[in-house]
Amino acid sequence: MPIRKLFNWIKSKRAGAKAEGGASPVGGEPLIIVITPEDEVPGELRTVKKLFEAGLPRLHLRRHDWSAADFRDWIGEVPKKYRSRIVVHGHPELVAEFGLAGLHLQSGKGRAPRMPEGLPLSRSCHDYAELSHGPKDCEYATLGPVFPSISKRGYAPRRTPEEFGAIVAYWKTENKGHPVVALGGITPENAPVARRLGFDGIAVVGAVWESERPVEAFKALRAAWLG
């Protein structure tokens, strides 16, 4: 859909409306997602445990080159009480095996053949077209990059933040769609902007993993989102 049409719609339908902060599927916590970096970093599992202790509601385990056995070894090091907060990118059989939060679908990917029924899903999107053509029964979708990426140098947004806000507003009102989470370049400084734009949560990589104090970085993001 042309972005100008979205802006005309938002002016007529949503003028003056205030964005509401969304809630995580986990216990009403703010929907703040930390995604693992593409390559494992030193002390990663220790940091993950501390993030969960600090209240992180969702961790996405993203390792495109890992086998199911690699995932099992990693998840097996996480205390059982926290595994229900982990979403895996791939290997759907692990969700039931470990009691995980769900499976994340890559951009443009639908349900795989023989995927278990009732599997909790989330998905990645970059624009309105991907939102509208993907599975509608996901718990949430990430959308972005909304701001210039921290973890991927040179990975710039395709739209302005305001245009992404228009997309989210149209998706939620006209489609009664699932929650949408802002991804890309999220920091404590711009997290409130994402909330004002109508996003239901934030997902981060670099803001946490490139910090010298990742747990404190997560806490700062949570505080900024809550305002």
Protein backbone atom coordinates (compact mmCIF):
# COMPACT_ATOMS: atom_id res chain seq x y z
CA MET A 1 0.00 0.00 0.00
CA PRO A 2 1.40 3.46 -0.92
CA ILE A 3 2.69 5.26 2.16
CA ARG A 4 0.79 8.43 1.18
CA LYS A 5 -2.47 6.54 1.42
CA LEU A 6 -1.48 5.38 4.89
CA PHE A 7 -0.76 8.95 5.96
CA ASN A 8 -4.11 10.16 4.61
CA TRP A 9 -5.83 7.35 6.47
CA ILE A 10 -4.06 8.03 9.75
CA LYS A 11 -4.98 11.71 9.58
CA SER A 12 -8.65 10.88 9.15
CA LYS A 13 -8.93 7.90 11.48
CA ARG A 14 -6.37 8.37 14.21
CA ALA A 15 -5.81 12.08 14.59
CA GLY A 16 -5.07 12.92 18.19
CA ALA A 17 -5.03 9.31 19.36
CA LYS A 18 -2.39 8.31 21.91
CA ALA A 19 -0.40 5.13 21.57
CA GLU A 20 -0.95 2.49 24.20
CA GLY A 21 1.97 0.43 25.49
CA GLY A 22 1.48 -3.21 24.68
CA ALA A 23 1.94 -6.09 27.09
CA SER A 24 3.99 -9.22 26.70
CA PRO A 25 2.29 -12.62 26.46
CA VAL A 26 4.28 -13.36 29.64
CA GLY A 27 2.59 -12.15 32.79
CA GLY A 28 1.65 -8.69 31.55
CA GLU A 29 5.26 -7.57 31.37
CA PRO A 30 6.28 -4.98 28.77
CA LEU A 31 7.01 -6.72 25.49
CA ILE A 32 10.77 -6.22 25.39
CA ILE A 33 12.69 -8.78 23.35
CA VAL A 34 16.42 -9.39 23.37
CA ILE A 35 17.70 -11.25 20.30
CA THR A 36 20.98 -13.13 20.50
CA PRO A 37 23.74 -11.89 18.18
CA GLU A 38 24.37 -13.91 15.04
CA ASP A 39 27.51 -15.41 16.58
CA GLU A 40 27.82 -16.55 20.17
CA VAL A 41 29.71 -14.10 22.36
CA PRO A 42 31.92 -14.87 25.39
CA GLY A 43 29.88 -15.35 28.55
CA GLU A 44 26.62 -15.32 26.60
CA LEU A 45 24.76 -17.91 28.66
CA ARG A 46 25.82 -16.27 31.90
CA THR A 47 24.47 -12.96 30.62
CA VAL A 48 21.24 -14.58 29.46
CA LYS A 49 20.63 -15.99 32.93
CA LYS A 50 21.19 -12.56 34.46
CA LEU A 51 18.82 -10.98 31.94
CA PHE A 52 16.10 -13.44 32.90
CA GLU A 53 16.76 -12.76 36.58
CA ALA A 54 16.32 -9.05 35.81
CA GLY A 55 12.88 -9.71 34.32
CA LEU A 56 13.47 -10.16 30.58
CA PRO A 57 10.18 -11.58 29.22
CA ARG A 58 11.40 -12.79 25.82
CA LEU A 59 14.74 -13.97 24.46
CA HIS A 60 15.03 -14.94 20.80
CA LEU A 61 17.70 -17.56 20.15
CA ARG A 62 18.83 -16.81 16.60
CA ARG A 63 21.60 -18.98 15.16
CA HIS A 64 21.01 -19.69 11.47
CA ASP A 65 24.00 -22.04 11.16
CA TRP A 66 23.28 -24.11 14.26
CA SER A 67 21.95 -27.65 14.17
CA ALA A 68 19.15 -28.86 16.41
CA ALA A 69 21.82 -30.47 18.60
CA ASP A 70 23.55 -27.10 19.02
CA PHE A 71 20.27 -25.55 20.12
CA ARG A 72 19.65 -28.39 22.55
CA ASP A 73 23.07 -27.96 24.14
CA TRP A 74 22.55 -24.21 24.56
CA ILE A 75 18.98 -24.43 25.89
CA GLY A 76 20.01 -27.22 28.23
CA GLU A 77 22.26 -24.76 30.06
CA VAL A 78 19.35 -22.41 30.80
CA PRO A 79 17.47 -23.08 34.07
CA LYS A 80 14.14 -24.76 33.39
CA LYS A 81 12.17 -21.96 35.02
CA TYR A 82 13.30 -19.56 32.28
CA ARG A 83 12.89 -21.75 29.20
CA SER A 84 9.27 -20.70 28.72
CA ARG A 85 10.61 -17.24 27.82
CA ILE A 86 12.78 -18.46 24.92
CA VAL A 87 11.71 -18.26 21.27
CA VAL A 88 13.78 -20.19 18.73
CA HIS A 89 14.53 -19.22 15.14
CA GLY A 90 14.23 -22.65 13.55
CA HIS A 91 13.84 -26.27 14.71
CA PRO A 92 10.14 -26.13 15.74
CA GLU A 93 10.34 -29.54 17.39
CA LEU A 94 12.32 -27.93 20.23
CA VAL A 95 9.37 -25.83 21.37
CA ALA A 96 7.43 -28.76 22.83
CA GLU A 97 10.58 -30.65 23.80
CA PHE A 98 11.81 -27.88 26.10
CA GLY A 99 8.56 -26.05 26.85
CA LEU A 100 9.69 -22.92 24.99
CA ALA A 101 7.69 -19.78 24.23
CA GLY A 102 7.48 -20.42 20.50
CA LEU A 103 9.01 -20.33 17.05
CA HIS A 104 10.00 -17.21 15.10
CA LEU A 105 9.50 -17.14 11.34
CA GLN A 106 11.91 -15.30 9.11
CA SER A 107 10.71 -12.53 6.82
CA GLY A 108 8.67 -13.89 3.94
CA LYS A 109 8.44 -17.39 5.46
CA GLY A 110 5.16 -19.10 6.26
CA ARG A 111 4.39 -22.23 8.19
CA ALA A 112 6.64 -25.13 7.31
CA PRO A 113 5.14 -28.47 6.25
CA ARG A 114 4.45 -30.78 9.18
CA MET A 115 4.73 -27.94 11.66
CA PRO A 116 2.97 -28.97 14.90
CA GLU A 117 -0.57 -27.62 15.28
CA GLY A 118 -1.02 -24.86 17.83
CA LEU A 119 2.65 -23.91 17.84
CA PRO A 120 3.04 -20.33 19.18
CA LEU A 121 4.51 -18.19 16.40
CA SER A 122 6.06 -14.79 15.88
CA ARG A 123 7.49 -13.38 12.66
CA SER A 124 9.77 -10.78 11.09
CA CYS A 125 8.43 -8.09 8.75
CA HIS A 126 9.92 -5.10 6.99
CA ASP A 127 6.82 -3.41 5.56
CA TYR A 128 3.04 -3.47 5.37
CA ALA A 129 2.97 -6.02 2.57
CA GLU A 130 4.77 -8.58 4.72
CA LEU A 131 2.46 -7.87 7.64
CA SER A 132 -0.65 -8.33 5.55
CA HIS A 133 0.42 -11.48 3.69
CA GLY A 134 1.90 -13.51 6.54
CA PRO A 135 0.21 -15.68 9.18
CA LYS A 136 -2.41 -13.68 11.08
CA ASP A 137 -2.45 -15.83 14.22
CA CYS A 138 1.05 -14.94 15.43
CA GLU A 139 1.57 -13.61 18.93
CA TYR A 140 3.48 -10.65 17.49
CA ALA A 141 5.65 -9.52 14.58
CA THR A 142 8.82 -7.48 14.56
CA LEU A 143 8.87 -4.57 12.08
CA GLY A 144 11.91 -2.60 11.00
CA PRO A 145 14.57 -1.44 11.02
CA VAL A 146 12.81 1.59 12.48
CA PHE A 147 16.10 3.35 13.26
CA PRO A 148 19.63 2.73 11.90
CA SER A 149 20.80 -0.65 13.15
CA ILE A 150 23.40 -0.84 15.91
CA SER A 151 24.47 -4.44 15.33
CA LYS A 152 24.43 -4.30 11.50
CA ARG A 153 26.54 -1.39 10.35
CA GLY A 154 25.00 0.42 7.37
CA TYR A 155 21.62 -1.30 7.74
CA ALA A 156 19.33 1.71 7.35
CA PRO A 157 15.53 2.05 7.60
CA ARG A 158 13.44 1.86 4.44
CA ARG A 159 10.91 4.30 5.93
CA THR A 160 10.89 7.19 8.37
CA PRO A 161 9.78 6.40 11.93
CA GLU A 162 6.53 8.27 11.24
CA GLU A 163 5.86 6.12 8.19
CA PHE A 164 6.37 2.99 10.26
CA GLY A 165 3.94 4.45 12.79
CA ALA A 166 1.36 4.88 10.03
CA ILE A 167 1.85 1.28 8.95
CA VAL A 168 1.35 0.02 12.51
CA ALA A 169 -1.76 2.14 13.03
CA TYR A 170 -3.33 0.97 9.77
CA TRP A 171 -2.47 -2.67 10.47
CA LYS A 172 -3.95 -2.65 13.96
CA THR A 173 -7.10 -0.69 13.16
CA GLU A 174 -8.08 -1.88 9.68
CA ASN A 175 -6.86 -5.47 10.04
CA LYS A 176 -7.33 -5.90 13.80
CA GLY A 177 -3.88 -7.39 13.57
CA HIS A 178 -1.62 -8.89 16.19
CA PRO A 179 0.89 -6.74 18.17
CA VAL A 180 3.83 -5.22 16.32
CA VAL A 181 7.28 -4.79 17.89
CA ALA A 182 9.80 -2.15 16.79
CA LEU A 183 13.15 -3.59 15.71
CA GLY A 184 16.34 -1.86 14.62
CA GLY A 185 18.48 0.71 16.38
CA ILE A 186 16.37 0.81 19.53
CA THR A 187 18.00 2.71 22.42
CA PRO A 188 16.75 4.19 25.70
CA GLU A 189 16.65 7.54 23.90
CA ASN A 190 14.33 6.46 21.08
CA ALA A 191 12.32 3.70 22.78
CA PRO A 192 9.70 6.27 23.91
CA VAL A 193 9.43 7.40 20.28
CA ALA A 194 8.59 3.83 19.24
CA ARG A 195 5.89 3.70 21.88
CA ARG A 196 4.38 7.01 20.78
CA LEU A 197 4.32 5.71 17.21
CA GLY A 198 2.03 2.90 18.34
CA PHE A 199 4.39 -0.05 18.59
CA ASP A 200 3.50 -2.67 21.19
CA GLY A 201 7.06 -3.37 22.25
CA ILE A 202 10.72 -3.23 21.27
CA ALA A 203 13.28 -5.82 20.15
CA VAL A 204 17.01 -5.24 20.45
CA VAL A 205 20.34 -6.78 19.61
CA GLY A 206 23.14 -4.21 19.65
CA ALA A 207 21.79 -2.05 22.46
CA VAL A 208 22.31 -4.96 24.85
CA TRP A 209 25.07 -7.10 23.38
CA GLU A 210 27.37 -4.24 22.44
CA SER A 211 27.08 -2.70 25.89
CA GLU A 212 29.77 -3.31 28.49
CA ARG A 213 26.93 -3.85 30.98
CA PRO A 214 24.21 -5.70 29.06
CA VAL A 215 21.91 -6.29 32.03
CA GLU A 216 21.97 -2.60 32.95
CA ALA A 217 21.35 -1.79 29.29
CA PHE A 218 18.22 -3.95 29.35
CA LYS A 219 17.00 -2.25 32.53
CA ALA A 220 17.52 1.17 30.94
CA LEU A 221 15.50 0.11 27.89
CA ARG A 222 12.69 -1.20 30.07
CA ALA A 223 12.59 1.99 32.13
CA ALA A 224 12.59 4.13 28.98
CA TRP A 225 9.76 2.11 27.44
CA LEU A 226 7.64 2.40 30.57
CA GLY A 227 8.36 6.12 30.72
